[in-house]
Amino acid sequence: MSKPEYPEIPTISIREVGADPVSSWRLFKPVIDYEKCRKCWLCVEYCPEGVISKSDEGPVIDYRFCKGCGVCANECPAGAIKMVKEGV
């Protein structure tokens, strides 16, 4: 009995997926009020794109890849994140 042949699994370079900034088509962006921020890090946990990171000062958003979905603002218990119209 011969071994079954498995199909070749295509690989995708990380540069092909998620490497291009999306900020050019975002309509709203999250803005953090660091005085209100409690550093609970829920925004970091809930960001579906993983573009919010922790720092000593509070959350930091990589706006190049933020799609402006508003999940971070919706989940912030302190109301420290507001969605602001892009370009304002």
PDB file of N, CA and C in Angstrom:
ATOM      1  N   MET A   1       0.848  -1.186   0.000  1.00  0.00           N
ATOM      2  CA  MET A   1       0.000   0.000   0.000  1.00  0.00           C
ATOM      3  C   MET A   1       0.891   1.247   0.000  1.00  0.00           C
ATOM      4  N   SER A   2       0.620   2.158  -0.905  1.00  0.00           N
ATOM      5  CA  SER A   2       1.451   3.363  -1.014  1.00  0.00           C
ATOM      6  C   SER A   2       0.909   4.474  -0.113  1.00  0.00           C
ATOM      7  N   LYS A   3       1.799   5.405   0.190  1.00  0.00           N
ATOM      8  CA  LYS A   3       1.409   6.553   1.016  1.00  0.00           C
ATOM      9  C   LYS A   3       0.474   7.448   0.215  1.00  0.00           C
ATOM     10  N   PRO A   4      -0.548   8.009   0.879  1.00  0.00           N
ATOM     11  CA  PRO A   4      -1.430   8.941   0.159  1.00  0.00           C
ATOM     12  C   PRO A   4      -0.683  10.227  -0.169  1.00  0.00           C
ATOM     13  N   GLU A   5      -0.983  10.799  -1.289  1.00  0.00           N
ATOM     14  CA  GLU A   5      -0.370  12.070  -1.657  1.00  0.00           C
ATOM     15  C   GLU A   5      -1.254  13.206  -1.163  1.00  0.00           C
ATOM     16  N   TYR A   6      -0.638  14.128  -0.492  1.00  0.00           N
ATOM     17  CA  TYR A   6      -1.354  15.289   0.017  1.00  0.00           C
ATOM     18  C   TYR A   6      -1.124  16.467  -0.914  1.00  0.00           C
ATOM     19  N   PRO A   7      -2.134  17.289  -1.089  1.00  0.00           N
ATOM     20  CA  PRO A   7      -1.936  18.446  -1.970  1.00  0.00           C
ATOM     21  C   PRO A   7      -0.951  19.425  -1.344  1.00  0.00           C
ATOM     22  N   GLU A   8      -0.251  20.114  -2.197  1.00  0.00           N
ATOM     23  CA  GLU A   8       0.698  21.117  -1.720  1.00  0.00           C
ATOM     24  C   GLU A   8      -0.083  22.297  -1.155  1.00  0.00           C
ATOM     25  N   ILE A   9       0.323  22.744   0.008  1.00  0.00           N
ATOM     26  CA  ILE A   9      -0.342  23.872   0.656  1.00  0.00           C
ATOM     27  C   ILE A   9       0.352  25.145   0.204  1.00  0.00           C
ATOM     28  N   PRO A  10      -0.404  26.055  -0.405  1.00  0.00           N
ATOM     29  CA  PRO A  10       0.228  27.304  -0.835  1.00  0.00           C
ATOM     30  C   PRO A  10       0.613  28.155   0.371  1.00  0.00           C
ATOM     31  N   THR A  11       1.737  28.793   0.295  1.00  0.00           N
ATOM     32  CA  THR A  11       2.167  29.694   1.355  1.00  0.00           C
ATOM     33  C   THR A  11       2.057  31.125   0.859  1.00  0.00           C
ATOM     34  N   ILE A  12       1.769  31.994   1.789  1.00  0.00           N
ATOM     35  CA  ILE A  12       1.625  33.406   1.460  1.00  0.00           C
ATOM     36  C   ILE A  12       2.634  34.194   2.281  1.00  0.00           C
ATOM     37  N   SER A  13       3.400  34.988   1.627  1.00  0.00           N
ATOM     38  CA  SER A  13       4.385  35.822   2.300  1.00  0.00           C
ATOM     39  C   SER A  13       3.667  36.849   3.168  1.00  0.00           C
ATOM     40  N   ILE A  14       4.229  37.127   4.322  1.00  0.00           N
ATOM     41  CA  ILE A  14       3.639  38.127   5.221  1.00  0.00           C
ATOM     42  C   ILE A  14       3.608  39.494   4.550  1.00  0.00           C
ATOM     43  N   ARG A  15       4.486  39.722   3.611  1.00  0.00           N
ATOM     44  CA  ARG A  15       4.501  40.997   2.904  1.00  0.00           C
ATOM     45  C   ARG A  15       3.309  41.118   1.972  1.00  0.00           C
ATOM     46  N   GLU A  16       2.705  39.997   1.584  1.00  0.00           N
ATOM     47  CA  GLU A  16       1.552  40.035   0.693  1.00  0.00           C
ATOM     48  C   GLU A  16       0.250  40.301   1.450  1.00  0.00           C
ATOM     49  N   VAL A  17       0.209  39.944   2.710  1.00  0.00           N
ATOM     50  CA  VAL A  17      -1.011  40.079   3.500  1.00  0.00           C
ATOM     51  C   VAL A  17      -0.808  41.111   4.596  1.00  0.00           C
ATOM     52  N   GLY A  18      -1.581  42.156   4.587  1.00  0.00           N
ATOM     53  CA  GLY A  18      -1.539  43.144   5.652  1.00  0.00           C
ATOM     54  C   GLY A  18      -0.331  44.051   5.664  1.00  0.00           C
ATOM     55  N   ALA A  19       0.381  44.143   4.582  1.00  0.00           N
ATOM     56  CA  ALA A  19       1.579  44.975   4.569  1.00  0.00           C
ATOM     57  C   ALA A  19       1.302  46.388   4.077  1.00  0.00           C
ATOM     58  N   ASP A  20       0.170  46.585   3.432  1.00  0.00           N
ATOM     59  CA  ASP A  20      -0.141  47.907   2.900  1.00  0.00           C
ATOM     60  C   ASP A  20      -0.986  48.698   3.889  1.00  0.00           C
ATOM     61  N   PRO A  21      -0.591  49.922   4.184  1.00  0.00           N
ATOM     62  CA  PRO A  21      -1.391  50.754   5.087  1.00  0.00           C
ATOM     63  C   PRO A  21      -2.820  50.939   4.564  1.00  0.00           C
ATOM     64  N   VAL A  22      -3.756  51.035   5.506  1.00  0.00           N
ATOM     65  CA  VAL A  22      -5.170  51.189   5.145  1.00  0.00           C
ATOM     66  C   VAL A  22      -5.709  52.567   5.518  1.00  0.00           C
ATOM     67  N   SER A  23      -4.871  53.394   6.083  1.00  0.00           N
ATOM     68  CA  SER A  23      -5.338  54.682   6.593  1.00  0.00           C
ATOM     69  C   SER A  23      -5.915  55.589   5.515  1.00  0.00           C
ATOM     70  N   SER A  24      -5.599  55.341   4.263  1.00  0.00           N
ATOM     71  CA  SER A  24      -6.101  56.211   3.189  1.00  0.00           C
ATOM     72  C   SER A  24      -7.606  56.072   2.970  1.00  0.00           C
ATOM     73  N   TRP A  25      -8.205  54.963   3.389  1.00  0.00           N
ATOM     74  CA  TRP A  25      -9.648  54.800   3.185  1.00  0.00           C
ATOM     75  C   TRP A  25     -10.449  54.786   4.481  1.00  0.00           C
ATOM     76  N   ARG A  26      -9.800  55.057   5.615  1.00  0.00           N
ATOM     77  CA  ARG A  26     -10.491  55.110   6.911  1.00  0.00           C
ATOM     78  C   ARG A  26     -11.309  56.396   6.996  1.00  0.00           C
ATOM     79  N   LEU A  27     -12.546  56.319   7.499  1.00  0.00           N
ATOM     80  CA  LEU A  27     -13.397  57.505   7.643  1.00  0.00           C
ATOM     81  C   LEU A  27     -13.307  58.122   9.034  1.00  0.00           C
ATOM     82  N   PHE A  28     -13.160  57.274  10.044  1.00  0.00           N
ATOM     83  CA  PHE A  28     -13.039  57.739  11.423  1.00  0.00           C
ATOM     84  C   PHE A  28     -11.812  57.086  12.047  1.00  0.00           C
ATOM     85  N   LYS A  29     -11.181  57.799  12.979  1.00  0.00           N
ATOM     86  CA  LYS A  29     -10.032  57.223  13.676  1.00  0.00           C
ATOM     87  C   LYS A  29     -10.211  57.369  15.181  1.00  0.00           C
ATOM     88  N   PRO A  30      -9.709  56.427  15.949  1.00  0.00           N
ATOM     89  CA  PRO A  30      -9.805  56.522  17.401  1.00  0.00           C
ATOM     90  C   PRO A  30      -8.753  57.477  17.957  1.00  0.00           C
ATOM     91  N   VAL A  31      -9.179  58.306  18.885  1.00  0.00           N
ATOM     92  CA  VAL A  31      -8.262  59.243  19.550  1.00  0.00           C
ATOM     93  C   VAL A  31      -8.371  58.986  21.051  1.00  0.00           C
ATOM     94  N   ILE A  32      -7.228  58.835  21.698  1.00  0.00           N
ATOM     95  CA  ILE A  32      -7.192  58.474  23.115  1.00  0.00           C
ATOM     96  C   ILE A  32      -6.992  59.708  23.987  1.00  0.00           C
ATOM     97  N   ASP A  33      -7.838  59.849  25.017  1.00  0.00           N
ATOM     98  CA  ASP A  33      -7.665  60.876  26.046  1.00  0.00           C
ATOM     99  C   ASP A  33      -6.898  60.203  27.186  1.00  0.00           C
ATOM    100  N   TYR A  34      -5.601  60.457  27.259  1.00  0.00           N
ATOM    101  CA  TYR A  34      -4.751  59.758  28.224  1.00  0.00           C
ATOM    102  C   TYR A  34      -5.057  60.129  29.669  1.00  0.00           C
ATOM    103  N   GLU A  35      -5.713  61.242  29.895  1.00  0.00           N
ATOM    104  CA  GLU A  35      -6.097  61.600  31.262  1.00  0.00           C
ATOM    105  C   GLU A  35      -7.241  60.728  31.758  1.00  0.00           C
ATOM    106  N   LYS A  36      -8.095  60.264  30.852  1.00  0.00           N
ATOM    107  CA  LYS A  36      -9.206  59.384  31.223  1.00  0.00           C
ATOM    108  C   LYS A  36      -8.804  57.909  31.233  1.00  0.00           C
ATOM    109  N   CYS A  37      -7.765  57.562  30.500  1.00  0.00           N
ATOM    110  CA  CYS A  37      -7.359  56.166  30.330  1.00  0.00           C
ATOM    111  C   CYS A  37      -6.944  55.539  31.657  1.00  0.00           C
ATOM    112  N   ARG A  38      -7.500  54.357  31.962  1.00  0.00           N
ATOM    113  CA  ARG A  38      -7.173  53.626  33.196  1.00  0.00           C
ATOM    114  C   ARG A  38      -6.132  52.540  32.963  1.00  0.00           C
ATOM    115  N   LYS A  39      -5.675  52.395  31.727  1.00  0.00           N
ATOM    116  CA  LYS A  39      -4.722  51.357  31.353  1.00  0.00           C
ATOM    117  C   LYS A  39      -5.248  49.963  31.708  1.00  0.00           C
ATOM    118  N   CYS A  40      -6.513  49.731  31.378  1.00  0.00           N
ATOM    119  CA  CYS A  40      -7.101  48.412  31.591  1.00  0.00           C
ATOM    120  C   CYS A  40      -6.752  47.472  30.433  1.00  0.00           C
ATOM    121  N   TRP A  41      -6.333  48.039  29.311  1.00  0.00           N
ATOM    122  CA  TRP A  41      -5.863  47.324  28.123  1.00  0.00           C
ATOM    123  C   TRP A  41      -6.954  46.546  27.388  1.00  0.00           C
ATOM    124  N   LEU A  42      -8.222  46.863  27.665  1.00  0.00           N
ATOM    125  CA  LEU A  42      -9.291  46.201  26.912  1.00  0.00           C
ATOM    126  C   LEU A  42      -9.217  46.560  25.427  1.00  0.00           C
ATOM    127  N   CYS A  43      -8.800  47.769  25.132  1.00  0.00           N
ATOM    128  CA  CYS A  43      -8.663  48.174  23.728  1.00  0.00           C
ATOM    129  C   CYS A  43      -7.647  47.302  23.005  1.00  0.00           C
ATOM    130  N   VAL A  44      -6.563  46.974  23.689  1.00  0.00           N
ATOM    131  CA  VAL A  44      -5.526  46.122  23.114  1.00  0.00           C
ATOM    132  C   VAL A  44      -6.093  44.725  22.855  1.00  0.00           C
ATOM    133  N   GLU A  45      -6.846  44.212  23.813  1.00  0.00           N
ATOM    134  CA  GLU A  45      -7.407  42.867  23.703  1.00  0.00           C
ATOM    135  C   GLU A  45      -8.475  42.761  22.617  1.00  0.00           C
ATOM    136  N   TYR A  46      -9.300  43.796  22.477  1.00  0.00           N
ATOM    137  CA  TYR A  46     -10.436  43.725  21.566  1.00  0.00           C
ATOM    138  C   TYR A  46     -10.154  44.215  20.147  1.00  0.00           C
ATOM    139  N   CYS A  47      -9.058  44.905  19.917  1.00  0.00           N
ATOM    140  CA  CYS A  47      -8.770  45.417  18.575  1.00  0.00           C
ATOM    141  C   CYS A  47      -8.672  44.251  17.591  1.00  0.00           C
ATOM    142  N   PRO A  48      -9.589  44.169  16.622  1.00  0.00           N
ATOM    143  CA  PRO A  48      -9.570  43.031  15.705  1.00  0.00           C
ATOM    144  C   PRO A  48      -8.365  43.018  14.763  1.00  0.00           C
ATOM    145  N   GLU A  49      -7.723  44.153  14.587  1.00  0.00           N
ATOM    146  CA  GLU A  49      -6.557  44.222  13.704  1.00  0.00           C
ATOM    147  C   GLU A  49      -5.241  44.126  14.466  1.00  0.00           C
ATOM    148  N   GLY A  50      -5.290  44.178  15.794  1.00  0.00           N
ATOM    149  CA  GLY A  50      -4.072  44.081  16.598  1.00  0.00           C
ATOM    150  C   GLY A  50      -3.138  45.251  16.434  1.00  0.00           C
ATOM    151  N   VAL A  51      -3.696  46.448  16.218  1.00  0.00           N
ATOM    152  CA  VAL A  51      -2.852  47.617  15.967  1.00  0.00           C
ATOM    153  C   VAL A  51      -2.667  48.506  17.195  1.00  0.00           C
ATOM    154  N   ILE A  52      -3.211  48.094  18.329  1.00  0.00           N
ATOM    155  CA  ILE A  52      -3.042  48.861  19.561  1.00  0.00           C
ATOM    156  C   ILE A  52      -2.068  48.101  20.445  1.00  0.00           C
ATOM    157  N   SER A  53      -1.053  48.804  20.924  1.00  0.00           N
ATOM    158  CA  SER A  53      -0.051  48.173  21.785  1.00  0.00           C
ATOM    159  C   SER A  53       0.045  48.920  23.108  1.00  0.00           C
ATOM    160  N   LYS A  54       0.659  48.266  24.073  1.00  0.00           N
ATOM    161  CA  LYS A  54       0.828  48.848  25.410  1.00  0.00           C
ATOM    162  C   LYS A  54       2.113  49.663  25.474  1.00  0.00           C
ATOM    163  N   SER A  55       2.047  50.750  26.242  1.00  0.00           N
ATOM    164  CA  SER A  55       3.243  51.526  26.554  1.00  0.00           C
ATOM    165  C   SER A  55       3.075  52.067  27.969  1.00  0.00           C
ATOM    166  N   ASP A  56       4.124  52.616  28.532  1.00  0.00           N
ATOM    167  CA  ASP A  56       4.040  53.170  29.886  1.00  0.00           C
ATOM    168  C   ASP A  56       3.021  54.304  29.972  1.00  0.00           C
ATOM    169  N   GLU A  57       2.881  55.064  28.888  1.00  0.00           N
ATOM    170  CA  GLU A  57       1.958  56.204  28.873  1.00  0.00           C
ATOM    171  C   GLU A  57       0.507  55.773  28.669  1.00  0.00           C
ATOM    172  N   GLY A  58       0.316  54.590  28.086  1.00  0.00           N
ATOM    173  CA  GLY A  58      -1.026  54.108  27.764  1.00  0.00           C
ATOM    174  C   GLY A  58      -1.017  53.448  26.399  1.00  0.00           C
ATOM    175  N   PRO A  59      -2.194  53.171  25.860  1.00  0.00           N
ATOM    176  CA  PRO A  59      -2.267  52.500  24.564  1.00  0.00           C
ATOM    177  C   PRO A  59      -1.706  53.363  23.437  1.00  0.00           C
ATOM    178  N   VAL A  60      -1.076  52.695  22.469  1.00  0.00           N
ATOM    179  CA  VAL A  60      -0.534  53.366  21.298  1.00  0.00           C
ATOM    180  C   VAL A  60      -1.156  52.713  20.067  1.00  0.00           C
ATOM    181  N   ILE A  61      -1.712  53.524  19.183  1.00  0.00           N
ATOM    182  CA  ILE A  61      -2.382  53.020  17.985  1.00  0.00           C
ATOM    183  C   ILE A  61      -1.479  53.208  16.775  1.00  0.00           C
ATOM    184  N   ASP A  62      -1.291  52.142  16.018  1.00  0.00           N
ATOM    185  CA  ASP A  62      -0.558  52.223  14.760  1.00  0.00           C
ATOM    186  C   ASP A  62      -1.583  52.634  13.695  1.00  0.00           C
ATOM    187  N   TYR A  63      -1.689  53.923  13.455  1.00  0.00           N
ATOM    188  CA  TYR A  63      -2.708  54.458  12.546  1.00  0.00           C
ATOM    189  C   TYR A  63      -2.514  54.013  11.101  1.00  0.00           C
ATOM    190  N   ARG A  64      -1.345  53.534  10.756  1.00  0.00           N
ATOM    191  CA  ARG A  64      -1.132  53.059   9.380  1.00  0.00           C
ATOM    192  C   ARG A  64      -2.049  51.882   9.056  1.00  0.00           C
ATOM    193  N   PHE A  65      -2.352  51.061  10.071  1.00  0.00           N
ATOM    194  CA  PHE A  65      -3.129  49.847   9.835  1.00  0.00           C
ATOM    195  C   PHE A  65      -4.475  49.835  10.541  1.00  0.00           C
ATOM    196  N   CYS A  66      -4.802  50.900  11.255  1.00  0.00           N
ATOM    197  CA  CYS A  66      -6.108  51.011  11.917  1.00  0.00           C
ATOM    198  C   CYS A  66      -7.173  51.249  10.853  1.00  0.00           C
ATOM    199  N   LYS A  67      -8.240  50.440  10.890  1.00  0.00           N
ATOM    200  CA  LYS A  67      -9.317  50.557   9.906  1.00  0.00           C
ATOM    201  C   LYS A  67     -10.445  51.469  10.383  1.00  0.00           C
ATOM    202  N   GLY A  68     -10.372  51.921  11.633  1.00  0.00           N
ATOM    203  CA  GLY A  68     -11.389  52.832  12.144  1.00  0.00           C
ATOM    204  C   GLY A  68     -12.705  52.161  12.464  1.00  0.00           C
ATOM    205  N   CYS A  69     -12.675  50.906  12.870  1.00  0.00           N
ATOM    206  CA  CYS A  69     -13.908  50.157  13.126  1.00  0.00           C
ATOM    207  C   CYS A  69     -14.632  50.621  14.382  1.00  0.00           C
ATOM    208  N   GLY A  70     -13.900  51.159  15.358  1.00  0.00           N
ATOM    209  CA  GLY A  70     -14.522  51.679  16.576  1.00  0.00           C
ATOM    210  C   GLY A  70     -14.701  50.675  17.692  1.00  0.00           C
ATOM    211  N   VAL A  71     -14.219  49.458  17.514  1.00  0.00           N
ATOM    212  CA  VAL A  71     -14.351  48.456  18.575  1.00  0.00           C
ATOM    213  C   VAL A  71     -13.645  48.924  19.841  1.00  0.00           C
ATOM    214  N   CYS A  72     -12.476  49.505  19.719  1.00  0.00           N
ATOM    215  CA  CYS A  72     -11.728  49.974  20.892  1.00  0.00           C
ATOM    216  C   CYS A  72     -12.523  51.023  21.670  1.00  0.00           C
ATOM    217  N   ALA A  73     -13.123  51.957  20.957  1.00  0.00           N
ATOM    218  CA  ALA A  73     -13.917  53.008  21.606  1.00  0.00           C
ATOM    219  C   ALA A  73     -15.157  52.415  22.272  1.00  0.00           C
ATOM    220  N   ASN A  74     -15.754  51.451  21.628  1.00  0.00           N
ATOM    221  CA  ASN A  74     -16.950  50.817  22.170  1.00  0.00           C
ATOM    222  C   ASN A  74     -16.646  50.024  23.441  1.00  0.00           C
ATOM    223  N   GLU A  75     -15.488  49.404  23.514  1.00  0.00           N
ATOM    224  CA  GLU A  75     -15.130  48.556  24.655  1.00  0.00           C
ATOM    225  C   GLU A  75     -14.480  49.306  25.807  1.00  0.00           C
ATOM    226  N   CYS A  76     -14.051  50.535  25.582  1.00  0.00           N
ATOM    227  CA  CYS A  76     -13.355  51.297  26.631  1.00  0.00           C
ATOM    228  C   CYS A  76     -14.320  51.669  27.758  1.00  0.00           C
ATOM    229  N   PRO A  77     -14.136  51.103  28.971  1.00  0.00           N
ATOM    230  CA  PRO A  77     -15.060  51.395  30.073  1.00  0.00           C
ATOM    231  C   PRO A  77     -14.934  52.816  30.613  1.00  0.00           C
ATOM    232  N   ALA A  78     -13.806  53.459  30.370  1.00  0.00           N
ATOM    233  CA  ALA A  78     -13.585  54.814  30.876  1.00  0.00           C
ATOM    234  C   ALA A  78     -14.035  55.887  29.889  1.00  0.00           C
ATOM    235  N   GLY A  79     -14.395  55.467  28.680  1.00  0.00           N
ATOM    236  CA  GLY A  79     -14.767  56.454  27.660  1.00  0.00           C
ATOM    237  C   GLY A  79     -13.586  57.297  27.210  1.00  0.00           C
ATOM    238  N   ALA A  80     -12.388  56.714  27.282  1.00  0.00           N
ATOM    239  CA  ALA A  80     -11.176  57.456  26.957  1.00  0.00           C
ATOM    240  C   ALA A  80     -10.857  57.474  25.451  1.00  0.00           C
ATOM    241  N   ILE A  81     -11.585  56.666  24.683  1.00  0.00           N
ATOM    242  CA  ILE A  81     -11.324  56.609  23.249  1.00  0.00           C
ATOM    243  C   ILE A  81     -12.560  57.098  22.499  1.00  0.00           C
ATOM    244  N   LYS A  82     -12.361  58.106  21.695  1.00  0.00           N
ATOM    245  CA  LYS A  82     -13.440  58.674  20.895  1.00  0.00           C
ATOM    246  C   LYS A  82     -13.106  58.517  19.419  1.00  0.00           C
ATOM    247  N   MET A  83     -14.124  58.243  18.624  1.00  0.00           N
ATOM    248  CA  MET A  83     -13.939  58.151  17.183  1.00  0.00           C
ATOM    249  C   MET A  83     -14.128  59.556  16.599  1.00  0.00           C
ATOM    250  N   VAL A  84     -13.127  60.002  15.873  1.00  0.00           N
ATOM    251  CA  VAL A  84     -13.102  61.337  15.318  1.00  0.00           C
ATOM    252  C   VAL A  84     -13.043  61.225  13.798  1.00  0.00           C
ATOM    253  N   LYS A  85     -13.823  62.061  13.112  1.00  0.00           N
ATOM    254  CA  LYS A  85     -13.826  62.041  11.657  1.00  0.00           C
ATOM    255  C   LYS A  85     -12.416  62.292  11.140  1.00  0.00           C
ATOM    256  N   GLU A  86     -11.995  61.453  10.221  1.00  0.00           N
ATOM    257  CA  GLU A  86     -10.648  61.559   9.665  1.00  0.00           C
ATOM    258  C   GLU A  86     -10.448  62.922   8.994  1.00  0.00           C
ATOM    259  N   GLY A  87      -9.277  63.520   9.220  1.00  0.00           N
ATOM    260  CA  GLY A  87      -8.948  64.787   8.606  1.00  0.00           C
ATOM    261  C   GLY A  87      -9.399  65.996   9.403  1.00  0.00           C
ATOM    262  N   VAL A  88      -9.989  65.780  10.580  1.00  0.00           N
ATOM    263  CA  VAL A  88     -10.463  66.916  11.397  1.00  0.00           C
ATOM    264  C   VAL A  88      -9.452  67.195  12.475  1.00  0.00           C
TER     265      VAL A  88
END
